[in-house]
Amino acid sequence: MDAKITLSFDQSVIDKAKQFADTNNISLSRLTEFLYTKITSGHYKNLEELPISDWVSIVSEGNVEYQTKAKSRKNLKQEFYKSRK
């Protein structure tokens, strides 16, 4: 059962979160729920133990891959089905 809560954030954070949610085809409510689920599913004693710092390190040290052309809908669909095999 869903329950409603009221949260207050800086407007710029809200704008960025809405844009991120829209880009990932998810509502802001479900994005927030997903993040809270991830945070509360681990056994973290404090904020420093959250795995986000590890993720940032991995991303920042990884190889950069640039895509100059957007993939066609057909190619994206083929890649998706290929990944499911």
N, C-alpha and C. Protein backbone atom coordinates (compact mmCIF):
# COMPACT_ATOMS: atom_id res chain seq x y z
N MET A 1 0.83 -1.17 0.00
CA MET A 1 0.00 0.00 0.00
C MET A 1 0.89 1.24 0.00
N ASP A 2 0.59 2.16 -0.86
CA ASP A 2 1.33 3.42 -0.92
C ASP A 2 0.86 4.36 0.17
N ALA A 3 1.79 5.12 0.72
CA ALA A 3 1.49 6.16 1.70
C ALA A 3 2.12 7.45 1.22
N LYS A 4 1.51 8.56 1.52
CA LYS A 4 2.02 9.86 1.11
C LYS A 4 2.85 10.48 2.22
N ILE A 5 3.94 11.16 1.80
CA ILE A 5 4.76 11.91 2.73
C ILE A 5 5.08 13.26 2.10
N THR A 6 5.46 14.20 2.90
CA THR A 6 5.85 15.51 2.41
C THR A 6 7.33 15.71 2.70
N LEU A 7 8.09 16.06 1.68
CA LEU A 7 9.52 16.30 1.82
C LEU A 7 9.85 17.69 1.31
N SER A 8 10.89 18.28 1.84
CA SER A 8 11.35 19.59 1.38
C SER A 8 12.78 19.47 0.89
N PHE A 9 13.02 19.94 -0.34
CA PHE A 9 14.34 19.92 -0.95
C PHE A 9 14.62 21.28 -1.57
N ASP A 10 15.88 21.54 -1.81
CA ASP A 10 16.27 22.72 -2.55
C ASP A 10 15.68 22.60 -3.96
N GLN A 11 15.16 23.69 -4.51
CA GLN A 11 14.49 23.66 -5.81
C GLN A 11 15.40 23.12 -6.92
N SER A 12 16.69 23.45 -6.88
CA SER A 12 17.59 22.95 -7.93
C SER A 12 17.74 21.44 -7.86
N VAL A 13 17.70 20.88 -6.65
CA VAL A 13 17.78 19.43 -6.48
C VAL A 13 16.51 18.79 -7.06
N ILE A 14 15.38 19.37 -6.78
CA ILE A 14 14.11 18.86 -7.31
C ILE A 14 14.11 18.87 -8.83
N ASP A 15 14.56 19.98 -9.41
CA ASP A 15 14.60 20.10 -10.87
C ASP A 15 15.49 19.04 -11.49
N LYS A 16 16.67 18.84 -10.91
CA LYS A 16 17.60 17.83 -11.42
C LYS A 16 17.04 16.42 -11.24
N ALA A 17 16.40 16.17 -10.10
CA ALA A 17 15.82 14.85 -9.85
C ALA A 17 14.68 14.56 -10.82
N LYS A 18 13.85 15.56 -11.09
CA LYS A 18 12.77 15.38 -12.06
C LYS A 18 13.31 15.09 -13.45
N GLN A 19 14.36 15.79 -13.83
CA GLN A 19 14.96 15.57 -15.14
C GLN A 19 15.56 14.16 -15.21
N PHE A 20 16.25 13.74 -14.15
CA PHE A 20 16.83 12.39 -14.10
C PHE A 20 15.74 11.34 -14.18
N ALA A 21 14.67 11.51 -13.42
CA ALA A 21 13.56 10.56 -13.43
C ALA A 21 12.93 10.48 -14.81
N ASP A 22 12.71 11.64 -15.43
CA ASP A 22 12.12 11.68 -16.76
C ASP A 22 13.01 10.97 -17.78
N THR A 23 14.30 11.22 -17.70
CA THR A 23 15.25 10.59 -18.62
C THR A 23 15.23 9.07 -18.48
N ASN A 24 15.00 8.60 -17.26
CA ASN A 24 15.00 7.16 -16.99
C ASN A 24 13.59 6.57 -16.98
N ASN A 25 12.62 7.34 -17.47
CA ASN A 25 11.25 6.87 -17.64
C ASN A 25 10.66 6.31 -16.34
N ILE A 26 10.80 7.07 -15.26
CA ILE A 26 10.29 6.66 -13.96
C ILE A 26 9.74 7.92 -13.28
N SER A 27 8.73 7.74 -12.46
CA SER A 27 8.20 8.91 -11.75
C SER A 27 9.16 9.30 -10.63
N LEU A 28 9.06 10.53 -10.22
CA LEU A 28 9.91 11.02 -9.14
C LEU A 28 9.61 10.26 -7.84
N SER A 29 8.34 9.93 -7.64
CA SER A 29 7.97 9.15 -6.45
C SER A 29 8.63 7.78 -6.46
N ARG A 30 8.60 7.09 -7.61
CA ARG A 30 9.20 5.75 -7.68
C ARG A 30 10.73 5.83 -7.60
N LEU A 31 11.31 6.88 -8.15
CA LEU A 31 12.76 7.07 -8.03
C LEU A 31 13.14 7.24 -6.56
N THR A 32 12.39 8.06 -5.85
CA THR A 32 12.66 8.28 -4.43
C THR A 32 12.49 6.98 -3.65
N GLU A 33 11.43 6.25 -3.96
CA GLU A 33 11.20 4.97 -3.29
C GLU A 33 12.34 4.00 -3.57
N PHE A 34 12.81 3.96 -4.82
CA PHE A 34 13.92 3.09 -5.19
C PHE A 34 15.18 3.43 -4.39
N LEU A 35 15.48 4.73 -4.29
CA LEU A 35 16.67 5.15 -3.54
C LEU A 35 16.55 4.80 -2.07
N TYR A 36 15.38 5.04 -1.48
CA TYR A 36 15.19 4.69 -0.06
C TYR A 36 15.29 3.18 0.14
N THR A 37 14.78 2.41 -0.80
CA THR A 37 14.88 0.95 -0.71
C THR A 37 16.33 0.51 -0.72
N LYS A 38 17.11 1.09 -1.61
CA LYS A 38 18.54 0.75 -1.68
C LYS A 38 19.25 1.12 -0.38
N ILE A 39 18.97 2.29 0.13
CA ILE A 39 19.62 2.76 1.35
C ILE A 39 19.27 1.88 2.54
N THR A 40 18.00 1.53 2.65
CA THR A 40 17.55 0.78 3.83
C THR A 40 17.74 -0.72 3.71
N SER A 41 18.10 -1.23 2.54
CA SER A 41 18.27 -2.67 2.38
C SER A 41 19.63 -3.15 2.88
N GLY A 42 20.59 -2.26 3.00
CA GLY A 42 21.92 -2.62 3.50
C GLY A 42 22.00 -2.44 5.00
N HIS A 43 23.11 -2.80 5.52
CA HIS A 43 23.33 -2.65 6.95
C HIS A 43 24.35 -1.54 7.17
N TYR A 44 23.91 -0.33 6.97
CA TYR A 44 24.78 0.83 7.04
C TYR A 44 24.60 1.53 8.37
N LYS A 45 25.68 1.75 9.07
CA LYS A 45 25.62 2.42 10.37
C LYS A 45 25.61 3.94 10.23
N ASN A 46 26.16 4.44 9.12
CA ASN A 46 26.21 5.88 8.92
C ASN A 46 26.28 6.18 7.43
N LEU A 47 26.24 7.44 7.08
CA LEU A 47 26.23 7.84 5.66
C LEU A 47 27.50 7.47 4.92
N GLU A 48 28.63 7.46 5.62
CA GLU A 48 29.90 7.14 4.97
C GLU A 48 29.95 5.69 4.48
N GLU A 49 29.14 4.82 5.06
CA GLU A 49 29.14 3.42 4.67
C GLU A 49 28.28 3.14 3.44
N LEU A 50 27.50 4.11 3.01
CA LEU A 50 26.67 3.90 1.83
C LEU A 50 27.55 3.60 0.62
N PRO A 51 27.16 2.68 -0.24
CA PRO A 51 28.01 2.27 -1.36
C PRO A 51 28.14 3.31 -2.47
N ILE A 52 27.49 4.44 -2.36
CA ILE A 52 27.58 5.43 -3.42
C ILE A 52 29.00 5.93 -3.62
N SER A 53 29.77 6.04 -2.54
CA SER A 53 31.15 6.51 -2.70
C SER A 53 31.98 5.52 -3.50
N ASP A 54 31.74 4.21 -3.32
CA ASP A 54 32.42 3.20 -4.13
C ASP A 54 32.02 3.33 -5.59
N TRP A 55 30.72 3.56 -5.82
CA TRP A 55 30.23 3.68 -7.19
C TRP A 55 30.85 4.89 -7.88
N VAL A 56 30.95 5.99 -7.17
CA VAL A 56 31.56 7.19 -7.75
C VAL A 56 33.02 6.91 -8.10
N SER A 57 33.73 6.21 -7.24
CA SER A 57 35.13 5.88 -7.51
C SER A 57 35.25 5.01 -8.75
N ILE A 58 34.39 4.03 -8.87
CA ILE A 58 34.43 3.13 -10.03
C ILE A 58 34.16 3.91 -11.31
N VAL A 59 33.15 4.75 -11.29
CA VAL A 59 32.79 5.52 -12.47
C VAL A 59 33.91 6.49 -12.84
N SER A 60 34.48 7.14 -11.87
CA SER A 60 35.49 8.15 -12.17
C SER A 60 36.80 7.55 -12.66
N GLU A 61 37.06 6.30 -12.32
CA GLU A 61 38.30 5.67 -12.75
C GLU A 61 38.14 4.82 -14.00
N GLY A 62 36.92 4.61 -14.44
CA GLY A 62 36.66 3.76 -15.60
C GLY A 62 37.00 4.47 -16.90
N ASN A 63 36.98 3.68 -17.97
CA ASN A 63 37.23 4.24 -19.30
C ASN A 63 36.02 5.02 -19.77
N VAL A 64 36.26 6.10 -20.45
CA VAL A 64 35.20 6.93 -20.98
C VAL A 64 34.82 6.42 -22.36
N GLU A 65 33.52 6.31 -22.61
CA GLU A 65 33.04 5.88 -23.91
C GLU A 65 32.08 6.95 -24.43
N TYR A 66 32.44 7.56 -25.54
CA TYR A 66 31.62 8.61 -26.12
C TYR A 66 30.82 8.04 -27.27
N GLN A 67 29.57 8.42 -27.34
CA GLN A 67 28.73 8.05 -28.47
C GLN A 67 28.34 9.32 -29.19
N THR A 68 28.68 9.37 -30.46
CA THR A 68 28.42 10.59 -31.21
C THR A 68 27.09 10.55 -31.94
N LYS A 69 26.56 9.36 -32.20
CA LYS A 69 25.29 9.24 -32.88
C LYS A 69 24.30 8.52 -31.99
N ALA A 70 23.09 9.02 -31.97
CA ALA A 70 22.04 8.31 -31.23
C ALA A 70 21.69 7.04 -31.98
N LYS A 71 21.46 5.98 -31.24
CA LYS A 71 21.10 4.72 -31.87
C LYS A 71 19.64 4.77 -32.30
N SER A 72 19.36 4.09 -33.40
CA SER A 72 17.99 4.06 -33.89
C SER A 72 17.14 3.18 -32.97
N ARG A 73 15.87 3.41 -33.02
CA ARG A 73 14.93 2.62 -32.20
C ARG A 73 15.05 1.13 -32.54
N LYS A 74 15.24 0.84 -33.81
CA LYS A 74 15.37 -0.55 -34.26
C LYS A 74 16.62 -1.19 -33.64
N ASN A 75 17.75 -0.48 -33.67
CA ASN A 75 18.99 -1.02 -33.09
C ASN A 75 18.88 -1.20 -31.58
N LEU A 76 18.23 -0.26 -30.91
CA LEU A 76 18.04 -0.39 -29.47
C LEU A 76 17.19 -1.61 -29.14
N LYS A 77 16.16 -1.84 -29.95
CA LYS A 77 15.28 -2.99 -29.75
C LYS A 77 16.05 -4.29 -29.96
N GLN A 78 16.87 -4.34 -31.01
CA GLN A 78 17.68 -5.53 -31.28
C GLN A 78 18.67 -5.79 -30.15
N GLU A 79 19.32 -4.74 -29.66
CA GLU A 79 20.26 -4.89 -28.54
C GLU A 79 19.56 -5.42 -27.30
N PHE A 80 18.36 -4.91 -27.05
CA PHE A 80 17.61 -5.36 -25.88
C PHE A 80 17.30 -6.85 -25.97
N TYR A 81 16.76 -7.29 -27.11
CA TYR A 81 16.42 -8.70 -27.25
C TYR A 81 17.65 -9.59 -27.25
N LYS A 82 18.73 -9.09 -27.80
CA LYS A 82 19.99 -9.85 -27.80
C LYS A 82 20.50 -10.03 -26.37
N SER A 83 20.35 -9.02 -25.53
CA SER A 83 20.83 -9.10 -24.15
C SER A 83 19.99 -10.05 -23.31
N ARG A 84 18.78 -10.35 -23.75
CA ARG A 84 17.87 -11.23 -23.01
C ARG A 84 18.10 -12.70 -23.30
N LYS A 85 18.93 -13.00 -24.30
CA LYS A 85 19.17 -14.41 -24.68
C LYS A 85 20.09 -15.08 -23.72
